[in-house]
Amino acid sequence: MKSIAFKNVAGIILLPAQADGVEGWFAFDTGAMQTTVNSAYFSNLAGKAKEVAVFNEGMAINAASEARLRELTFGPITVNDLSVICMDASYVENSLRTFEPDIRLLGSIGMEALGDVPVLLDYQRSVLTVEPAVSTESAEKLPLSREALPVITLSISGEAHRFVLDTGANTCLLSGDLADKVDTTPLADSPGVYVLPEITAGTRKYQNINAVFTDISQIRERVQVDGVIGSQILSAQLSLLDFPHSALWLF
């Protein structure tokens, strides 16, 4: 069992970390297919050029390169010789700086940096625990499919929909083709943001979920889903991402 105190900034889990001697914060991001580093702090890293899909007021393509970190340390965990994607993450860092002006976002930690192990998220205490010693006897189990990205099934307006479970998402993303198929209310003073009255996960109901309708075709090239959801579901209770047993446990 390894516990790491994290900083919750606008629903994003930030872990204190050091990468190749550079200190700052990494977002814990199950929606990332690979760990990324912010090119603003790692301009010395170079490798094969590639393109990655990002969400910044809509899906977009961002230039990036493949590289390797000599060492990444977060909490009691150290990973050596880690393959990463080096890209411009200023759009995320600038957004976080509206809440934490001095934040240094070094990148995003994907699941491959942790290995195929259970991860317990306690938003109330701001603690992430790897391989926790916890009983799931009183928790509700939801199927968690480990595809190109982790996927769960939720219900909106009585219809089942597949979602990427993304700890890096503080707003629900919905495919634009659902705009006329689910009940929503525009969020006052937030153009383009809507409120879903209710989402159901197993027997649990979550009210007033903020959502954005957008083009998710880049995500659908990797996995067939109708949207992306993260902290608005996970933060409501203790949540165990049990990848070895293909389950999401809600306590």
C-alpha atoms as a PDB file:
ATOM      1  CA  MET A   1       0.000   0.000   0.000  1.00  0.00           C
ATOM      2  CA  LYS A   2       1.421   3.355  -1.094  1.00  0.00           C
ATOM      3  CA  SER A   3      -0.434   6.607  -0.363  1.00  0.00           C
ATOM      4  CA  ILE A   4       0.150   9.985  -2.002  1.00  0.00           C
ATOM      5  CA  ALA A   5      -1.394  13.268  -0.842  1.00  0.00           C
ATOM      6  CA  PHE A   6      -2.666  15.126  -3.878  1.00  0.00           C
ATOM      7  CA  LYS A   7      -3.883  18.618  -4.680  1.00  0.00           C
ATOM      8  CA  ASN A   8      -7.419  18.821  -6.074  1.00  0.00           C
ATOM      9  CA  VAL A   9      -7.519  21.791  -8.435  1.00  0.00           C
ATOM     10  CA  ALA A  10     -10.887  22.273 -10.133  1.00  0.00           C
ATOM     11  CA  GLY A  11     -11.503  18.522 -10.033  1.00  0.00           C
ATOM     12  CA  ILE A  12      -8.079  17.605 -11.415  1.00  0.00           C
ATOM     13  CA  ILE A  13      -5.868  15.328  -9.309  1.00  0.00           C
ATOM     14  CA  LEU A  14      -2.344  16.794  -9.142  1.00  0.00           C
ATOM     15  CA  LEU A  15       0.465  14.695  -7.681  1.00  0.00           C
ATOM     16  CA  PRO A  16       3.724  16.281  -6.445  1.00  0.00           C
ATOM     17  CA  ALA A  17       6.475  14.859  -8.601  1.00  0.00           C
ATOM     18  CA  GLN A  18      10.000  15.138  -9.878  1.00  0.00           C
ATOM     19  CA  ALA A  19      10.955  14.247 -13.445  1.00  0.00           C
ATOM     20  CA  ASP A  20      14.603  14.192 -14.511  1.00  0.00           C
ATOM     21  CA  GLY A  21      15.374  16.576 -11.642  1.00  0.00           C
ATOM     22  CA  VAL A  22      12.536  19.022 -12.423  1.00  0.00           C
ATOM     23  CA  GLU A  23      10.053  19.498  -9.576  1.00  0.00           C
ATOM     24  CA  GLY A  24       6.391  20.309 -10.036  1.00  0.00           C
ATOM     25  CA  TRP A  25       3.042  18.565 -10.437  1.00  0.00           C
ATOM     26  CA  PHE A  26       1.686  15.817 -12.659  1.00  0.00           C
ATOM     27  CA  ALA A  27      -2.019  15.276 -13.292  1.00  0.00           C
ATOM     28  CA  PHE A  28      -3.229  11.722 -12.649  1.00  0.00           C
ATOM     29  CA  ASP A  29      -5.006  11.000 -15.914  1.00  0.00           C
ATOM     30  CA  THR A  30      -6.577   7.616 -16.696  1.00  0.00           C
ATOM     31  CA  GLY A  31      -7.766   9.138 -19.972  1.00  0.00           C
ATOM     32  CA  ALA A  32      -4.160   9.436 -21.169  1.00  0.00           C
ATOM     33  CA  MET A  33      -3.044   6.489 -23.269  1.00  0.00           C
ATOM     34  CA  GLN A  34       0.533   7.347 -22.314  1.00  0.00           C
ATOM     35  CA  THR A  35       2.297   9.554 -19.766  1.00  0.00           C
ATOM     36  CA  THR A  36       2.967  13.024 -21.162  1.00  0.00           C
ATOM     37  CA  VAL A  37       5.413  15.780 -20.240  1.00  0.00           C
ATOM     38  CA  ASN A  38       5.004  19.502 -20.789  1.00  0.00           C
ATOM     39  CA  SER A  39       7.481  20.679 -23.439  1.00  0.00           C
ATOM     40  CA  ALA A  40       7.713  24.034 -21.627  1.00  0.00           C
ATOM     41  CA  TYR A  41       9.818  22.284 -18.957  1.00  0.00           C
ATOM     42  CA  PHE A  42      11.437  19.539 -21.032  1.00  0.00           C
ATOM     43  CA  SER A  43      12.586  21.271 -24.190  1.00  0.00           C
ATOM     44  CA  ASN A  44      15.715  19.105 -24.086  1.00  0.00           C
ATOM     45  CA  LEU A  45      13.681  15.952 -24.786  1.00  0.00           C
ATOM     46  CA  ALA A  46      13.453  15.079 -28.447  1.00  0.00           C
ATOM     47  CA  GLY A  47      12.263  12.117 -30.444  1.00  0.00           C
ATOM     48  CA  LYS A  48      10.058  10.934 -33.246  1.00  0.00           C
ATOM     49  CA  ALA A  49       7.338  13.432 -34.159  1.00  0.00           C
ATOM     50  CA  LYS A  50       3.693  12.412 -33.780  1.00  0.00           C
ATOM     51  CA  GLU A  51       0.239  13.953 -33.414  1.00  0.00           C
ATOM     52  CA  VAL A  52      -2.043  13.642 -30.390  1.00  0.00           C
ATOM     53  CA  ALA A  53      -5.679  14.564 -29.818  1.00  0.00           C
ATOM     54  CA  VAL A  54      -6.398  17.115 -27.078  1.00  0.00           C
ATOM     55  CA  PHE A  55      -9.525  18.862 -25.789  1.00  0.00           C
ATOM     56  CA  ASN A  56      -9.219  22.629 -25.644  1.00  0.00           C
ATOM     57  CA  GLU A  57     -12.599  24.226 -26.353  1.00  0.00           C
ATOM     58  CA  GLY A  58     -13.197  21.309 -28.727  1.00  0.00           C
ATOM     59  CA  MET A  59     -11.172  18.392 -29.976  1.00  0.00           C
ATOM     60  CA  ALA A  60      -7.934  19.402 -31.699  1.00  0.00           C
ATOM     61  CA  ILE A  61      -4.696  17.887 -32.921  1.00  0.00           C
ATOM     62  CA  ASN A  62      -1.487  18.872 -31.141  1.00  0.00           C
ATOM     63  CA  ALA A  63       2.055  18.345 -32.418  1.00  0.00           C
ATOM     64  CA  ALA A  64       4.141  16.187 -30.101  1.00  0.00           C
ATOM     65  CA  SER A  65       7.151  13.906 -30.016  1.00  0.00           C
ATOM     66  CA  GLU A  66       8.036  10.585 -28.440  1.00  0.00           C
ATOM     67  CA  ALA A  67      10.749  10.734 -25.791  1.00  0.00           C
ATOM     68  CA  ARG A  68      12.066   8.966 -22.682  1.00  0.00           C
ATOM     69  CA  LEU A  69      12.344  10.159 -19.096  1.00  0.00           C
ATOM     70  CA  ARG A  70      15.293   8.854 -17.133  1.00  0.00           C
ATOM     71  CA  GLU A  71      13.347   8.982 -13.862  1.00  0.00           C
ATOM     72  CA  LEU A  72       9.873   9.967 -12.689  1.00  0.00           C
ATOM     73  CA  THR A  73       9.136  10.055  -8.949  1.00  0.00           C
ATOM     74  CA  PHE A  74       5.740  10.755  -7.406  1.00  0.00           C
ATOM     75  CA  GLY A  75       5.219  10.047  -3.727  1.00  0.00           C
ATOM     76  CA  PRO A  76       6.905   6.726  -2.841  1.00  0.00           C
ATOM     77  CA  ILE A  77       6.837   5.533  -6.470  1.00  0.00           C
ATOM     78  CA  THR A  78       9.775   5.826  -8.861  1.00  0.00           C
ATOM     79  CA  VAL A  79       9.672   4.759 -12.512  1.00  0.00           C
ATOM     80  CA  ASN A  80      12.875   4.608 -14.557  1.00  0.00           C
ATOM     81  CA  ASP A  81      13.378   4.869 -18.313  1.00  0.00           C
ATOM     82  CA  LEU A  82       9.747   5.751 -19.009  1.00  0.00           C
ATOM     83  CA  SER A  83       8.473   6.269 -22.561  1.00  0.00           C
ATOM     84  CA  VAL A  84       6.528   9.573 -22.705  1.00  0.00           C
ATOM     85  CA  ILE A  85       4.889  11.980 -25.125  1.00  0.00           C
ATOM     86  CA  CYS A  86       6.405  15.476 -25.049  1.00  0.00           C
ATOM     87  CA  MET A  87       3.839  18.131 -25.984  1.00  0.00           C
ATOM     88  CA  ASP A  88       2.704  21.675 -25.285  1.00  0.00           C
ATOM     89  CA  ALA A  89       0.445  21.520 -22.197  1.00  0.00           C
ATOM     90  CA  SER A  90       0.228  25.272 -21.675  1.00  0.00           C
ATOM     91  CA  TYR A  91      -3.522  25.261 -22.342  1.00  0.00           C
ATOM     92  CA  VAL A  92      -4.015  23.001 -19.295  1.00  0.00           C
ATOM     93  CA  GLU A  93      -1.465  24.805 -17.143  1.00  0.00           C
ATOM     94  CA  ASN A  94      -3.007  28.211 -17.895  1.00  0.00           C
ATOM     95  CA  SER A  95      -6.448  26.896 -16.964  1.00  0.00           C
ATOM     96  CA  LEU A  96      -5.145  25.534 -13.644  1.00  0.00           C
ATOM     97  CA  ARG A  97      -3.373  28.813 -12.926  1.00  0.00           C
ATOM     98  CA  THR A  98      -6.718  30.596 -12.658  1.00  0.00           C
ATOM     99  CA  PHE A  99      -7.026  28.619  -9.385  1.00  0.00           C
ATOM    100  CA  GLU A 100      -3.344  28.116  -8.466  1.00  0.00           C
ATOM    101  CA  PRO A 101      -1.297  30.978  -9.984  1.00  0.00           C
ATOM    102  CA  ASP A 102       2.096  29.398  -9.234  1.00  0.00           C
ATOM    103  CA  ILE A 103       1.348  25.854 -10.394  1.00  0.00           C
ATOM    104  CA  ARG A 104       4.005  24.134 -12.517  1.00  0.00           C
ATOM    105  CA  LEU A 105       2.280  21.433 -14.518  1.00  0.00           C
ATOM    106  CA  LEU A 106       4.999  19.065 -15.654  1.00  0.00           C
ATOM    107  CA  GLY A 107       2.662  16.654 -17.418  1.00  0.00           C
ATOM    108  CA  SER A 108       0.107  13.872 -16.963  1.00  0.00           C
ATOM    109  CA  ILE A 109       0.689  10.427 -15.477  1.00  0.00           C
ATOM    110  CA  GLY A 110      -1.012   7.626 -17.376  1.00  0.00           C
ATOM    111  CA  MET A 111      -1.862   4.206 -15.976  1.00  0.00           C
ATOM    112  CA  GLU A 112       1.219   2.574 -17.482  1.00  0.00           C
ATOM    113  CA  ALA A 113       3.382   4.539 -15.022  1.00  0.00           C
ATOM    114  CA  LEU A 114       1.534   2.874 -12.110  1.00  0.00           C
ATOM    115  CA  GLY A 115       1.287  -0.568 -13.602  1.00  0.00           C
ATOM    116  CA  ASP A 116      -1.797  -2.761 -13.634  1.00  0.00           C
ATOM    117  CA  VAL A 117      -2.722  -2.215  -9.981  1.00  0.00           C
ATOM    118  CA  PRO A 118      -5.790  -1.022  -8.000  1.00  0.00           C
ATOM    119  CA  VAL A 119      -5.937   2.703  -7.205  1.00  0.00           C
ATOM    120  CA  LEU A 120      -8.167   4.144  -4.455  1.00  0.00           C
ATOM    121  CA  LEU A 121      -9.244   7.772  -4.834  1.00  0.00           C
ATOM    122  CA  ASP A 122     -10.286   9.685  -1.706  1.00  0.00           C
ATOM    123  CA  TYR A 123     -11.247  13.181  -2.823  1.00  0.00           C
ATOM    124  CA  GLN A 124     -12.438  14.161   0.668  1.00  0.00           C
ATOM    125  CA  ARG A 125      -8.994  13.566   2.186  1.00  0.00           C
ATOM    126  CA  SER A 126      -7.109  14.312  -1.060  1.00  0.00           C
ATOM    127  CA  VAL A 127      -5.260  11.002  -0.947  1.00  0.00           C
ATOM    128  CA  LEU A 128      -4.507   8.522  -3.741  1.00  0.00           C
ATOM    129  CA  THR A 129      -3.560   5.020  -2.592  1.00  0.00           C
ATOM    130  CA  VAL A 130      -1.928   2.404  -4.795  1.00  0.00           C
ATOM    131  CA  GLU A 131      -2.745  -1.231  -3.932  1.00  0.00           C
ATOM    132  CA  PRO A 132      -4.893  -0.234  -0.930  1.00  0.00           C
ATOM    133  CA  ALA A 133      -5.679  -2.662   1.890  1.00  0.00           C
ATOM    134  CA  VAL A 134      -9.443  -2.137   1.724  1.00  0.00           C
ATOM    135  CA  SER A 135     -12.442  -4.480   1.772  1.00  0.00           C
ATOM    136  CA  THR A 136     -14.947  -4.105  -1.070  1.00  0.00           C
ATOM    137  CA  GLU A 137     -17.651  -6.051   0.760  1.00  0.00           C
ATOM    138  CA  SER A 138     -19.844  -2.977   1.303  1.00  0.00           C
ATOM    139  CA  ALA A 139     -19.054  -1.309  -2.024  1.00  0.00           C
ATOM    140  CA  GLU A 140     -21.014  -1.374  -5.277  1.00  0.00           C
ATOM    141  CA  LYS A 141     -19.236  -2.986  -8.221  1.00  0.00           C
ATOM    142  CA  LEU A 142     -19.458  -1.619 -11.752  1.00  0.00           C
ATOM    143  CA  PRO A 143     -17.816  -3.293 -14.753  1.00  0.00           C
ATOM    144  CA  LEU A 144     -14.699  -1.391 -15.833  1.00  0.00           C
ATOM    145  CA  SER A 145     -13.551  -2.414 -19.276  1.00  0.00           C
ATOM    146  CA  ARG A 146      -9.826  -2.005 -19.967  1.00  0.00           C
ATOM    147  CA  GLU A 147      -9.781  -1.211 -23.671  1.00  0.00           C
ATOM    148  CA  ALA A 148      -7.557   1.373 -25.363  1.00  0.00           C
ATOM    149  CA  LEU A 149      -8.957   3.534 -22.542  1.00  0.00           C
ATOM    150  CA  PRO A 150     -10.902   2.530 -19.394  1.00  0.00           C
ATOM    151  CA  VAL A 151     -14.654   2.368 -20.100  1.00  0.00           C
ATOM    152  CA  ILE A 152     -17.735   2.250 -17.857  1.00  0.00           C
ATOM    153  CA  THR A 153     -21.442   2.176 -18.700  1.00  0.00           C
ATOM    154  CA  LEU A 154     -23.755   4.869 -17.316  1.00  0.00           C
ATOM    155  CA  SER A 155     -27.405   5.683 -17.905  1.00  0.00           C
ATOM    156  CA  ILE A 156     -28.701   9.060 -19.132  1.00  0.00           C
ATOM    157  CA  SER A 157     -32.428   9.668 -19.591  1.00  0.00           C
ATOM    158  CA  GLY A 158     -32.994   5.950 -19.191  1.00  0.00           C
ATOM    159  CA  GLU A 159     -30.559   4.957 -21.954  1.00  0.00           C
ATOM    160  CA  ALA A 160     -27.236   3.175 -21.403  1.00  0.00           C
ATOM    161  CA  HIS A 161     -24.102   4.875 -22.756  1.00  0.00           C
ATOM    162  CA  ARG A 162     -20.429   3.930 -22.677  1.00  0.00           C
ATOM    163  CA  PHE A 163     -18.025   6.509 -21.217  1.00  0.00           C
ATOM    164  CA  VAL A 164     -14.272   6.793 -20.963  1.00  0.00           C
ATOM    165  CA  LEU A 165     -13.499   6.969 -17.238  1.00  0.00           C
ATOM    166  CA  ASP A 166     -11.020   9.844 -17.160  1.00  0.00           C
ATOM    167  CA  THR A 167      -9.628  11.140 -13.875  1.00  0.00           C
ATOM    168  CA  GLY A 168      -8.317  14.120 -15.854  1.00  0.00           C
ATOM    169  CA  ALA A 169     -11.840  15.249 -16.837  1.00  0.00           C
ATOM    170  CA  ASN A 170     -13.573  17.764 -14.574  1.00  0.00           C
ATOM    171  CA  THR A 171     -16.428  18.287 -17.059  1.00  0.00           C
ATOM    172  CA  CYS A 172     -18.407  15.574 -18.778  1.00  0.00           C
ATOM    173  CA  LEU A 173     -17.855  15.458 -22.547  1.00  0.00           C
ATOM    174  CA  LEU A 174     -20.728  14.177 -24.677  1.00  0.00           C
ATOM    175  CA  SER A 175     -20.748  13.364 -28.354  1.00  0.00           C
ATOM    176  CA  GLY A 176     -22.505  16.057 -30.377  1.00  0.00           C
ATOM    177  CA  ASP A 177     -24.910  13.493 -31.832  1.00  0.00           C
ATOM    178  CA  LEU A 178     -26.500  13.149 -28.377  1.00  0.00           C
ATOM    179  CA  ALA A 179     -27.490  16.828 -28.192  1.00  0.00           C
ATOM    180  CA  ASP A 180     -31.113  16.136 -29.181  1.00  0.00           C
ATOM    181  CA  LYS A 181     -31.360  12.786 -27.390  1.00  0.00           C
ATOM    182  CA  VAL A 182     -30.717  13.626 -23.725  1.00  0.00           C
ATOM    183  CA  ASP A 183     -32.353  16.081 -21.360  1.00  0.00           C
ATOM    184  CA  THR A 184     -30.173  19.083 -20.554  1.00  0.00           C
ATOM    185  CA  THR A 185     -30.454  22.659 -19.321  1.00  0.00           C
ATOM    186  CA  PRO A 186     -28.035  25.423 -20.379  1.00  0.00           C
ATOM    187  CA  LEU A 187     -25.771  26.503 -17.520  1.00  0.00           C
ATOM    188  CA  ALA A 188     -26.303  30.183 -16.779  1.00  0.00           C
ATOM    189  CA  ASP A 189     -23.366  32.465 -17.664  1.00  0.00           C
ATOM    190  CA  SER A 190     -21.417  29.531 -19.181  1.00  0.00           C
ATOM    191  CA  PRO A 191     -21.998  29.419 -22.947  1.00  0.00           C
ATOM    192  CA  GLY A 192     -21.751  25.914 -24.377  1.00  0.00           C
ATOM    193  CA  VAL A 193     -22.023  24.217 -20.975  1.00  0.00           C
ATOM    194  CA  TYR A 194     -25.149  22.241 -20.119  1.00  0.00           C
ATOM    195  CA  VAL A 195     -26.466  20.500 -17.001  1.00  0.00           C
ATOM    196  CA  LEU A 196     -27.546  16.874 -17.089  1.00  0.00           C
ATOM    197  CA  PRO A 197     -30.274  16.532 -14.438  1.00  0.00           C
ATOM    198  CA  GLU A 198     -29.204  12.981 -13.608  1.00  0.00           C
ATOM    199  CA  ILE A 199     -26.704  10.249 -14.497  1.00  0.00           C
ATOM    200  CA  THR A 200     -27.089   6.748 -13.087  1.00  0.00           C
ATOM    201  CA  ALA A 201     -24.149   4.456 -12.301  1.00  0.00           C
ATOM    202  CA  GLY A 202     -25.393   1.085 -11.116  1.00  0.00           C
ATOM    203  CA  THR A 203     -27.920   1.920  -8.384  1.00  0.00           C
ATOM    204  CA  ARG A 204     -26.375   5.322  -7.683  1.00  0.00           C
ATOM    205  CA  LYS A 205     -27.785   8.560  -9.037  1.00  0.00           C
ATOM    206  CA  TYR A 206     -25.706  11.692  -9.604  1.00  0.00           C
ATOM    207  CA  GLN A 207     -27.501  15.004 -10.089  1.00  0.00           C
ATOM    208  CA  ASN A 208     -26.622  18.204 -11.948  1.00  0.00           C
ATOM    209  CA  ILE A 209     -23.640  17.033 -13.980  1.00  0.00           C
ATOM    210  CA  ASN A 210     -21.964  19.754 -16.053  1.00  0.00           C
ATOM    211  CA  ALA A 211     -21.451  18.628 -19.648  1.00  0.00           C
ATOM    212  CA  VAL A 212     -20.205  19.891 -22.994  1.00  0.00           C
ATOM    213  CA  PHE A 213     -21.312  18.548 -26.369  1.00  0.00           C
ATOM    214  CA  THR A 214     -18.364  18.206 -28.696  1.00  0.00           C
ATOM    215  CA  ASP A 215     -16.784  16.228 -31.508  1.00  0.00           C
ATOM    216  CA  ILE A 216     -15.247  13.099 -29.956  1.00  0.00           C
ATOM    217  CA  SER A 217     -14.313  11.426 -33.248  1.00  0.00           C
ATOM    218  CA  GLN A 218     -10.628  11.319 -32.246  1.00  0.00           C
ATOM    219  CA  ILE A 219     -11.567   9.372 -29.118  1.00  0.00           C
ATOM    220  CA  ARG A 220     -13.898   7.091 -31.088  1.00  0.00           C
ATOM    221  CA  GLU A 221     -11.012   6.109 -33.329  1.00  0.00           C
ATOM    222  CA  ARG A 222      -9.574   4.406 -30.242  1.00  0.00           C
ATOM    223  CA  VAL A 223     -12.678   3.216 -28.408  1.00  0.00           C
ATOM    224  CA  GLN A 224     -16.408   3.284 -29.163  1.00  0.00           C
ATOM    225  CA  VAL A 225     -17.952   5.533 -26.502  1.00  0.00           C
ATOM    226  CA  ASP A 226     -20.532   8.311 -26.248  1.00  0.00           C
ATOM    227  CA  GLY A 227     -18.567  10.532 -23.900  1.00  0.00           C
ATOM    228  CA  VAL A 228     -15.951  11.091 -21.221  1.00  0.00           C
ATOM    229  CA  ILE A 229     -16.564  11.490 -17.490  1.00  0.00           C
ATOM    230  CA  GLY A 230     -14.340  11.800 -14.436  1.00  0.00           C
ATOM    231  CA  SER A 231     -14.304  13.692 -11.160  1.00  0.00           C
ATOM    232  CA  GLN A 232     -18.011  14.552 -11.097  1.00  0.00           C
ATOM    233  CA  ILE A 233     -18.696  10.845 -10.547  1.00  0.00           C
ATOM    234  CA  LEU A 234     -15.533   9.697  -8.781  1.00  0.00           C
ATOM    235  CA  SER A 235     -15.407  12.491  -6.183  1.00  0.00           C
ATOM    236  CA  ALA A 236     -18.868  11.751  -4.770  1.00  0.00           C
ATOM    237  CA  GLN A 237     -17.545   8.813  -2.699  1.00  0.00           C
ATOM    238  CA  LEU A 238     -14.479   6.663  -2.161  1.00  0.00           C
ATOM    239  CA  SER A 239     -13.768   5.143  -5.572  1.00  0.00           C
ATOM    240  CA  LEU A 240     -11.541   2.167  -6.302  1.00  0.00           C
ATOM    241  CA  LEU A 241     -10.261   1.724  -9.846  1.00  0.00           C
ATOM    242  CA  ASP A 242      -9.605  -2.012  -9.756  1.00  0.00           C
ATOM    243  CA  PHE A 243      -8.021  -2.658 -13.143  1.00  0.00           C
ATOM    244  CA  PRO A 244      -6.790  -6.193 -12.313  1.00  0.00           C
ATOM    245  CA  HIS A 245     -10.403  -7.278 -11.694  1.00  0.00           C
ATOM    246  CA  SER A 246     -12.039  -5.056 -14.363  1.00  0.00           C
ATOM    247  CA  ALA A 247     -14.136  -3.250 -11.763  1.00  0.00           C
ATOM    248  CA  LEU A 248     -14.944   0.215 -10.451  1.00  0.00           C
ATOM    249  CA  TRP A 249     -15.920  -0.035  -6.764  1.00  0.00           C
ATOM    250  CA  LEU A 250     -18.072   2.766  -5.305  1.00  0.00           C
ATOM    251  CA  PHE A 251     -18.109   2.902  -1.481  1.00  0.00           C
END
